[in-house]
Structures are given as structure tokens and as C-alpha cells.
Amino acid sequence: MDRLPFPDDLIDAQREWHAAYRDLAVPRPRRTTELRRRLLALSARIQWHPFWATPAGRTPAARVELRQWTAADRTQVAA
């Protein structure tokens, strides 16, 4: 199956979300309030992105694919 044509800004927001979540998940993180606010702002940006109103983005599978694709991309960068 081909990857959905996600907009670059949506991919970037999801990658930033993963990074903020990872920073918040460490034991005794610094800047906890700032990270939580960042995570909340990114969640809102992702949730209300115009892509989800397009035919390609209307299915729940599209949201799952975005998360899986950006998570897979993150593990390839770490390797």
C-alpha cells in the first residue's frame, strides 16, 4: 500500500509531537510545563489540520498511518 500524501506541515507537527512526548517521558524532565503546553498545542494543530477534511484523510486509518509512519521514521533516524 502506498503512503498517503500527507502535507509536510502535518508530518512536521507529528514529528515534533513525538519529540516533545519523548522529552516529557524521561524521568524527572526539565521544563515540564513548557513541554506539556507544547504537546497540547501540537495535538490541537494535528487534530484540526485541514488534511483530515479531504477524502484521503477522512478515515481513522489515515491518522494511524501518520503516527506509525512518523514513529517508524523516528526509529530509522535513531538507528
PDB file of N, CA and C in Angstrom:
ATOM      1  N   MET A   1       0.842  -1.186   0.000  1.00  0.00           N
ATOM      2  CA  MET A   1       0.000   0.000   0.000  1.00  0.00           C
ATOM      3  C   MET A   1       0.885   1.246   0.000  1.00  0.00           C
ATOM      4  N   ASP A   2       0.534   2.199  -0.841  1.00  0.00           N
ATOM      5  CA  ASP A   2       1.290   3.439  -0.908  1.00  0.00           C
ATOM      6  C   ASP A   2       0.949   4.321   0.280  1.00  0.00           C
ATOM      7  N   ARG A   3       1.922   5.111   0.666  1.00  0.00           N
ATOM      8  CA  ARG A   3       1.712   6.051   1.767  1.00  0.00           C
ATOM      9  C   ARG A   3       0.771   7.157   1.307  1.00  0.00           C
ATOM     10  N   LEU A   4      -0.091   7.574   2.200  1.00  0.00           N
ATOM     11  CA  LEU A   4      -0.996   8.680   1.894  1.00  0.00           C
ATOM     12  C   LEU A   4      -0.189   9.955   1.669  1.00  0.00           C
ATOM     13  N   PRO A   5      -0.708  10.860   0.863  1.00  0.00           N
ATOM     14  CA  PRO A   5       0.012  12.109   0.578  1.00  0.00           C
ATOM     15  C   PRO A   5      -0.157  13.134   1.710  1.00  0.00           C
ATOM     16  N   PHE A   6       0.475  12.877   2.846  1.00  0.00           N
ATOM     17  CA  PHE A   6       0.367  13.804   3.976  1.00  0.00           C
ATOM     18  C   PHE A   6       1.094  15.106   3.656  1.00  0.00           C
ATOM     19  N   PRO A   7       0.523  16.246   4.018  1.00  0.00           N
ATOM     20  CA  PRO A   7       1.207  17.529   3.833  1.00  0.00           C
ATOM     21  C   PRO A   7       2.444  17.607   4.728  1.00  0.00           C
ATOM     22  N   ASP A   8       3.448  18.315   4.264  1.00  0.00           N
ATOM     23  CA  ASP A   8       4.708  18.426   5.008  1.00  0.00           C
ATOM     24  C   ASP A   8       4.519  19.034   6.393  1.00  0.00           C
ATOM     25  N   ASP A   9       3.642  20.039   6.506  1.00  0.00           N
ATOM     26  CA  ASP A   9       3.457  20.664   7.816  1.00  0.00           C
ATOM     27  C   ASP A   9       2.795  19.713   8.812  1.00  0.00           C
ATOM     28  N   LEU A  10       1.953  18.811   8.323  1.00  0.00           N
ATOM     29  CA  LEU A  10       1.332  17.823   9.202  1.00  0.00           C
ATOM     30  C   LEU A  10       2.368  16.785   9.655  1.00  0.00           C
ATOM     31  N   ILE A  11       3.215  16.365   8.753  1.00  0.00           N
ATOM     32  CA  ILE A  11       4.289  15.426   9.100  1.00  0.00           C
ATOM     33  C   ILE A  11       5.227  16.057  10.118  1.00  0.00           C
ATOM     34  N   ASP A  12       5.601  17.318   9.880  1.00  0.00           N
ATOM     35  CA  ASP A  12       6.487  18.017  10.817  1.00  0.00           C
ATOM     36  C   ASP A  12       5.856  18.142  12.197  1.00  0.00           C
ATOM     37  N   ALA A  13       4.572  18.469  12.247  1.00  0.00           N
ATOM     38  CA  ALA A  13       3.884  18.602  13.534  1.00  0.00           C
ATOM     39  C   ALA A  13       3.857  17.267  14.272  1.00  0.00           C
ATOM     40  N   GLN A  14       3.621  16.176  13.545  1.00  0.00           N
ATOM     41  CA  GLN A  14       3.590  14.866  14.197  1.00  0.00           C
ATOM     42  C   GLN A  14       4.982  14.472  14.691  1.00  0.00           C
ATOM     43  N   ARG A  15       6.012  14.793  13.921  1.00  0.00           N
ATOM     44  CA  ARG A  15       7.393  14.518  14.362  1.00  0.00           C
ATOM     45  C   ARG A  15       7.730  15.329  15.608  1.00  0.00           C
ATOM     46  N   GLU A  16       7.334  16.604  15.615  1.00  0.00           N
ATOM     47  CA  GLU A  16       7.575  17.447  16.784  1.00  0.00           C
ATOM     48  C   GLU A  16       6.806  16.913  17.993  1.00  0.00           C
ATOM     49  N   TRP A  17       5.597  16.389  17.765  1.00  0.00           N
ATOM     50  CA  TRP A  17       4.802  15.803  18.840  1.00  0.00           C
ATOM     51  C   TRP A  17       5.542  14.620  19.455  1.00  0.00           C
ATOM     52  N   HIS A  18       6.083  13.749  18.600  1.00  0.00           N
ATOM     53  CA  HIS A  18       6.851  12.597  19.099  1.00  0.00           C
ATOM     54  C   HIS A  18       8.053  13.063  19.924  1.00  0.00           C
ATOM     55  N   ALA A  19       8.737  14.084  19.438  1.00  0.00           N
ATOM     56  CA  ALA A  19       9.915  14.586  20.153  1.00  0.00           C
ATOM     57  C   ALA A  19       9.524  15.177  21.514  1.00  0.00           C
ATOM     58  N   ALA A  20       8.462  15.954  21.553  1.00  0.00           N
ATOM     59  CA  ALA A  20       8.010  16.546  22.819  1.00  0.00           C
ATOM     60  C   ALA A  20       7.566  15.462  23.790  1.00  0.00           C
ATOM     61  N   TYR A  21       6.868  14.463  23.288  1.00  0.00           N
ATOM     62  CA  TYR A  21       6.415  13.360  24.135  1.00  0.00           C
ATOM     63  C   TYR A  21       7.615  12.593  24.692  1.00  0.00           C
ATOM     64  N   ARG A  22       8.603  12.344  23.840  1.00  0.00           N
ATOM     65  CA  ARG A  22       9.815  11.642  24.270  1.00  0.00           C
ATOM     66  C   ARG A  22      10.557  12.451  25.344  1.00  0.00           C
ATOM     67  N   ASP A  23      10.641  13.768  25.160  1.00  0.00           N
ATOM     68  CA  ASP A  23      11.304  14.627  26.151  1.00  0.00           C
ATOM     69  C   ASP A  23      10.542  14.631  27.474  1.00  0.00           C
ATOM     70  N   LEU A  24       9.237  14.562  27.407  1.00  0.00           N
ATOM     71  CA  LEU A  24       8.413  14.573  28.615  1.00  0.00           C
ATOM     72  C   LEU A  24       8.433  13.219  29.321  1.00  0.00           C
ATOM     73  N   ALA A  25       8.713  12.162  28.593  1.00  0.00           N
ATOM     74  CA  ALA A  25       8.659  10.807  29.152  1.00  0.00           C
ATOM     75  C   ALA A  25       9.904  10.407  29.948  1.00  0.00           C
ATOM     76  N   VAL A  26      10.967  11.182  29.870  1.00  0.00           N
ATOM     77  CA  VAL A  26      12.174  10.827  30.624  1.00  0.00           C
ATOM     78  C   VAL A  26      11.920  11.046  32.116  1.00  0.00           C
ATOM     79  N   PRO A  27      12.635  10.313  32.965  1.00  0.00           N
ATOM     80  CA  PRO A  27      12.467  10.528  34.406  1.00  0.00           C
ATOM     81  C   PRO A  27      12.866  11.961  34.803  1.00  0.00           C
ATOM     82  N   ARG A  28      12.027  12.593  35.579  1.00  0.00           N
ATOM     83  CA  ARG A  28      12.247  13.960  36.072  1.00  0.00           C
ATOM     84  C   ARG A  28      12.640  14.934  34.964  1.00  0.00           C
ATOM     85  N   PRO A  29      11.750  15.129  33.988  1.00  0.00           N
ATOM     86  CA  PRO A  29      12.076  16.032  32.879  1.00  0.00           C
ATOM     87  C   PRO A  29      12.170  17.481  33.342  1.00  0.00           C
ATOM     88  N   ARG A  30      12.980  18.228  32.662  1.00  0.00           N
ATOM     89  CA  ARG A  30      13.064  19.674  32.899  1.00  0.00           C
ATOM     90  C   ARG A  30      12.024  20.353  32.019  1.00  0.00           C
ATOM     91  N   ARG A  31      11.600  21.527  32.432  1.00  0.00           N
ATOM     92  CA  ARG A  31      10.634  22.319  31.664  1.00  0.00           C
ATOM     93  C   ARG A  31       9.333  21.558  31.430  1.00  0.00           C
ATOM     94  N   THR A  32       8.832  20.875  32.458  1.00  0.00           N
ATOM     95  CA  THR A  32       7.634  20.047  32.328  1.00  0.00           C
ATOM     96  C   THR A  32       6.438  20.850  31.819  1.00  0.00           C
ATOM     97  N   THR A  33       6.195  21.996  32.388  1.00  0.00           N
ATOM     98  CA  THR A  33       5.046  22.807  31.974  1.00  0.00           C
ATOM     99  C   THR A  33       5.174  23.217  30.519  1.00  0.00           C
ATOM    100  N   GLU A  34       6.355  23.643  30.129  1.00  0.00           N
ATOM    101  CA  GLU A  34       6.594  24.049  28.739  1.00  0.00           C
ATOM    102  C   GLU A  34       6.371  22.875  27.781  1.00  0.00           C
ATOM    103  N   LEU A  35       6.848  21.702  28.151  1.00  0.00           N
ATOM    104  CA  LEU A  35       6.680  20.522  27.300  1.00  0.00           C
ATOM    105  C   LEU A  35       5.211  20.107  27.196  1.00  0.00           C
ATOM    106  N   ARG A  36       4.498  20.178  28.304  1.00  0.00           N
ATOM    107  CA  ARG A  36       3.070  19.828  28.268  1.00  0.00           C
ATOM    108  C   ARG A  36       2.284  20.804  27.403  1.00  0.00           C
ATOM    109  N   ARG A  37       2.609  22.072  27.505  1.00  0.00           N
ATOM    110  CA  ARG A  37       1.929  23.072  26.671  1.00  0.00           C
ATOM    111  C   ARG A  37       2.256  22.853  25.200  1.00  0.00           C
ATOM    112  N   ARG A  38       3.509  22.520  24.920  1.00  0.00           N
ATOM    113  CA  ARG A  38       3.930  22.250  23.538  1.00  0.00           C
ATOM    114  C   ARG A  38       3.179  21.042  22.990  1.00  0.00           C
ATOM    115  N   LEU A  39       3.084  19.994  23.810  1.00  0.00           N
ATOM    116  CA  LEU A  39       2.383  18.781  23.399  1.00  0.00           C
ATOM    117  C   LEU A  39       0.902  19.072  23.133  1.00  0.00           C
ATOM    118  N   LEU A  40       0.299  19.863  23.974  1.00  0.00           N
ATOM    119  CA  LEU A  40      -1.108  20.234  23.791  1.00  0.00           C
ATOM    120  C   LEU A  40      -1.305  21.057  22.517  1.00  0.00           C
ATOM    121  N   ALA A  41      -0.425  22.020  22.275  1.00  0.00           N
ATOM    122  CA  ALA A  41      -0.534  22.851  21.073  1.00  0.00           C
ATOM    123  C   ALA A  41      -0.339  22.011  19.808  1.00  0.00           C
ATOM    124  N   LEU A  42       0.623  21.111  19.831  1.00  0.00           N
ATOM    125  CA  LEU A  42       0.849  20.248  18.673  1.00  0.00           C
ATOM    126  C   LEU A  42      -0.325  19.293  18.457  1.00  0.00           C
ATOM    127  N   SER A  43      -0.885  18.784  19.543  1.00  0.00           N
ATOM    128  CA  SER A  43      -2.051  17.900  19.429  1.00  0.00           C
ATOM    129  C   SER A  43      -3.210  18.625  18.760  1.00  0.00           C
ATOM    130  N   ALA A  44      -3.437  19.870  19.141  1.00  0.00           N
ATOM    131  CA  ALA A  44      -4.513  20.658  18.530  1.00  0.00           C
ATOM    132  C   ALA A  44      -4.220  20.928  17.057  1.00  0.00           C
ATOM    133  N   ARG A  45      -2.966  21.250  16.748  1.00  0.00           N
ATOM    134  CA  ARG A  45      -2.604  21.518  15.348  1.00  0.00           C
ATOM    135  C   ARG A  45      -2.827  20.278  14.489  1.00  0.00           C
ATOM    136  N   ILE A  46      -2.451  19.121  15.013  1.00  0.00           N
ATOM    137  CA  ILE A  46      -2.622  17.871  14.271  1.00  0.00           C
ATOM    138  C   ILE A  46      -4.106  17.534  14.144  1.00  0.00           C
ATOM    139  N   GLN A  47      -4.833  17.629  15.237  1.00  0.00           N
ATOM    140  CA  GLN A  47      -6.260  17.263  15.257  1.00  0.00           C
ATOM    141  C   GLN A  47      -7.076  18.091  14.271  1.00  0.00           C
ATOM    142  N   TRP A  48      -6.816  19.389  14.180  1.00  0.00           N
ATOM    143  CA  TRP A  48      -7.638  20.280  13.370  1.00  0.00           C
ATOM    144  C   TRP A  48      -7.003  20.642  12.034  1.00  0.00           C
ATOM    145  N   HIS A  49      -6.020  19.874  11.606  1.00  0.00           N
ATOM    146  CA  HIS A  49      -5.374  20.152  10.311  1.00  0.00           C
ATOM    147  C   HIS A  49      -6.388  19.951   9.177  1.00  0.00           C
ATOM    148  N   PRO A  50      -6.373  20.817   8.161  1.00  0.00           N
ATOM    149  CA  PRO A  50      -7.329  20.706   7.049  1.00  0.00           C
ATOM    150  C   PRO A  50      -7.236  19.387   6.272  1.00  0.00           C
ATOM    151  N   PHE A  51      -6.117  18.693   6.344  1.00  0.00           N
ATOM    152  CA  PHE A  51      -5.973  17.428   5.629  1.00  0.00           C
ATOM    153  C   PHE A  51      -7.047  16.428   6.025  1.00  0.00           C
ATOM    154  N   TRP A  52      -7.457  16.445   7.289  1.00  0.00           N
ATOM    155  CA  TRP A  52      -8.443  15.466   7.757  1.00  0.00           C
ATOM    156  C   TRP A  52      -9.816  15.670   7.125  1.00  0.00           C
ATOM    157  N   ALA A  53     -10.054  16.803   6.492  1.00  0.00           N
ATOM    158  CA  ALA A  53     -11.330  17.056   5.821  1.00  0.00           C
ATOM    159  C   ALA A  53     -11.312  16.595   4.364  1.00  0.00           C
ATOM    160  N   THR A  54     -10.153  16.170   3.867  1.00  0.00           N
ATOM    161  CA  THR A  54     -10.057  15.691   2.486  1.00  0.00           C
ATOM    162  C   THR A  54     -10.486  14.231   2.417  1.00  0.00           C
ATOM    163  N   PRO A  55     -10.829  13.741   1.236  1.00  0.00           N
ATOM    164  CA  PRO A  55     -11.211  12.325   1.118  1.00  0.00           C
ATOM    165  C   PRO A  55     -10.119  11.370   1.620  1.00  0.00           C
ATOM    166  N   ALA A  56      -8.854  11.681   1.386  1.00  0.00           N
ATOM    167  CA  ALA A  56      -7.764  10.806   1.830  1.00  0.00           C
ATOM    168  C   ALA A  56      -7.625  10.796   3.349  1.00  0.00           C
ATOM    169  N   GLY A  57      -8.002  11.871   4.000  1.00  0.00           N
ATOM    170  CA  GLY A  57      -7.818  11.972   5.440  1.00  0.00           C
ATOM    171  C   GLY A  57      -9.034  11.651   6.279  1.00  0.00           C
ATOM    172  N   ARG A  58     -10.128  11.288   5.662  1.00  0.00           N
ATOM    173  CA  ARG A  58     -11.375  11.087   6.404  1.00  0.00           C
ATOM    174  C   ARG A  58     -11.432   9.783   7.191  1.00  0.00           C
ATOM    175  N   THR A  59     -10.583   8.836   6.893  1.00  0.00           N
ATOM    176  CA  THR A  59     -10.659   7.547   7.575  1.00  0.00           C
ATOM    177  C   THR A  59      -9.790   7.540   8.827  1.00  0.00           C
ATOM    178  N   PRO A  60     -10.194   6.817   9.851  1.00  0.00           N
ATOM    179  CA  PRO A  60      -9.348   6.686  11.045  1.00  0.00           C
ATOM    180  C   PRO A  60      -7.995   6.054  10.718  1.00  0.00           C
ATOM    181  N   ALA A  61      -7.964   5.222   9.684  1.00  0.00           N
ATOM    182  CA  ALA A  61      -6.705   4.574   9.290  1.00  0.00           C
ATOM    183  C   ALA A  61      -5.656   5.603   8.858  1.00  0.00           C
ATOM    184  N   ALA A  62      -6.087   6.741   8.348  1.00  0.00           N
ATOM    185  CA  ALA A  62      -5.136   7.774   7.930  1.00  0.00           C
ATOM    186  C   ALA A  62      -4.389   8.340   9.135  1.00  0.00           C
ATOM    187  N   ARG A  63      -5.089   8.544  10.228  1.00  0.00           N
ATOM    188  CA  ARG A  63      -4.439   9.049  11.442  1.00  0.00           C
ATOM    189  C   ARG A  63      -3.452   8.029  11.993  1.00  0.00           C
ATOM    190  N   VAL A  64      -3.850   6.766  11.965  1.00  0.00           N
ATOM    191  CA  VAL A  64      -2.971   5.698  12.437  1.00  0.00           C
ATOM    192  C   VAL A  64      -1.735   5.618  11.552  1.00  0.00           C
ATOM    193  N   GLU A  65      -1.931   5.716  10.244  1.00  0.00           N
ATOM    194  CA  GLU A  65      -0.804   5.644   9.323  1.00  0.00           C
ATOM    195  C   GLU A  65       0.179   6.794   9.564  1.00  0.00           C
ATOM    196  N   LEU A  66      -0.332   7.989   9.810  1.00  0.00           N
ATOM    197  CA  LEU A  66       0.553   9.124  10.081  1.00  0.00           C
ATOM    198  C   LEU A  66       1.398   8.853  11.322  1.00  0.00           C
ATOM    199  N   ARG A  67       0.761   8.385  12.400  1.00  0.00           N
ATOM    200  CA  ARG A  67       1.507   8.101  13.626  1.00  0.00           C
ATOM    201  C   ARG A  67       2.528   6.992  13.418  1.00  0.00           C
ATOM    202  N   GLN A  68       2.128   5.931  12.741  1.00  0.00           N
ATOM    203  CA  GLN A  68       3.052   4.821  12.508  1.00  0.00           C
ATOM    204  C   GLN A  68       4.190   5.231  11.588  1.00  0.00           C
ATOM    205  N   TRP A  69       3.877   5.974  10.552  1.00  0.00           N
ATOM    206  CA  TRP A  69       4.907   6.378   9.598  1.00  0.00           C
ATOM    207  C   TRP A  69       5.929   7.306  10.251  1.00  0.00           C
ATOM    208  N   THR A  70       5.464   8.256  11.044  1.00  0.00           N
ATOM    209  CA  THR A  70       6.413   9.172  11.702  1.00  0.00           C
ATOM    210  C   THR A  70       7.167   8.473  12.814  1.00  0.00           C
ATOM    211  N   ALA A  71       6.555   7.509  13.490  1.00  0.00           N
ATOM    212  CA  ALA A  71       7.257   6.729  14.517  1.00  0.00           C
ATOM    213  C   ALA A  71       8.308   5.845  13.881  1.00  0.00           C
ATOM    214  N   ALA A  72       7.999   5.239  12.731  1.00  0.00           N
ATOM    215  CA  ALA A  72       8.972   4.405  12.020  1.00  0.00           C
ATOM    216  C   ALA A  72      10.121   5.265  11.544  1.00  0.00           C
ATOM    217  N   ASP A  73       9.802   6.456  11.061  1.00  0.00           N
ATOM    218  CA  ASP A  73      10.834   7.386  10.604  1.00  0.00           C
ATOM    219  C   ASP A  73      11.744   7.768  11.764  1.00  0.00           C
ATOM    220  N   ARG A  74      11.171   7.937  12.929  1.00  0.00           N
ATOM    221  CA  ARG A  74      11.939   8.301  14.111  1.00  0.00           C
ATOM    222  C   ARG A  74      12.913   7.183  14.506  1.00  0.00           C
ATOM    223  N   THR A  75      12.487   5.931  14.422  1.00  0.00           N
ATOM    224  CA  THR A  75      13.375   4.833  14.781  1.00  0.00           C
ATOM    225  C   THR A  75      14.481   4.656  13.767  1.00  0.00           C
ATOM    226  N   GLN A  76      14.225   4.971  12.500  1.00  0.00           N
ATOM    227  CA  GLN A  76      15.278   4.886  11.487  1.00  0.00           C
ATOM    228  C   GLN A  76      16.325   5.958  11.718  1.00  0.00           C
ATOM    229  N   VAL A  77      15.912   7.131  12.166  1.00  0.00           N
ATOM    230  CA  VAL A  77      16.859   8.205  12.459  1.00  0.00           C
ATOM    231  C   VAL A  77      17.721   7.831  13.645  1.00  0.00           C
ATOM    232  N   ALA A  78      17.128   7.177  14.663  1.00  0.00           N
ATOM    233  CA  ALA A  78      17.856   6.800  15.853  1.00  0.00           C
ATOM    234  C   ALA A  78      18.834   5.657  15.604  1.00  0.00           C
ATOM    235  N   ALA A  79      18.564   4.850  14.600  1.00  0.00           N
ATOM    236  CA  ALA A  79      19.430   3.684  14.321  1.00  0.00           C
ATOM    237  C   ALA A  79      20.725   4.065  13.647  1.00  0.00           C
TER     238      ALA A  79
END
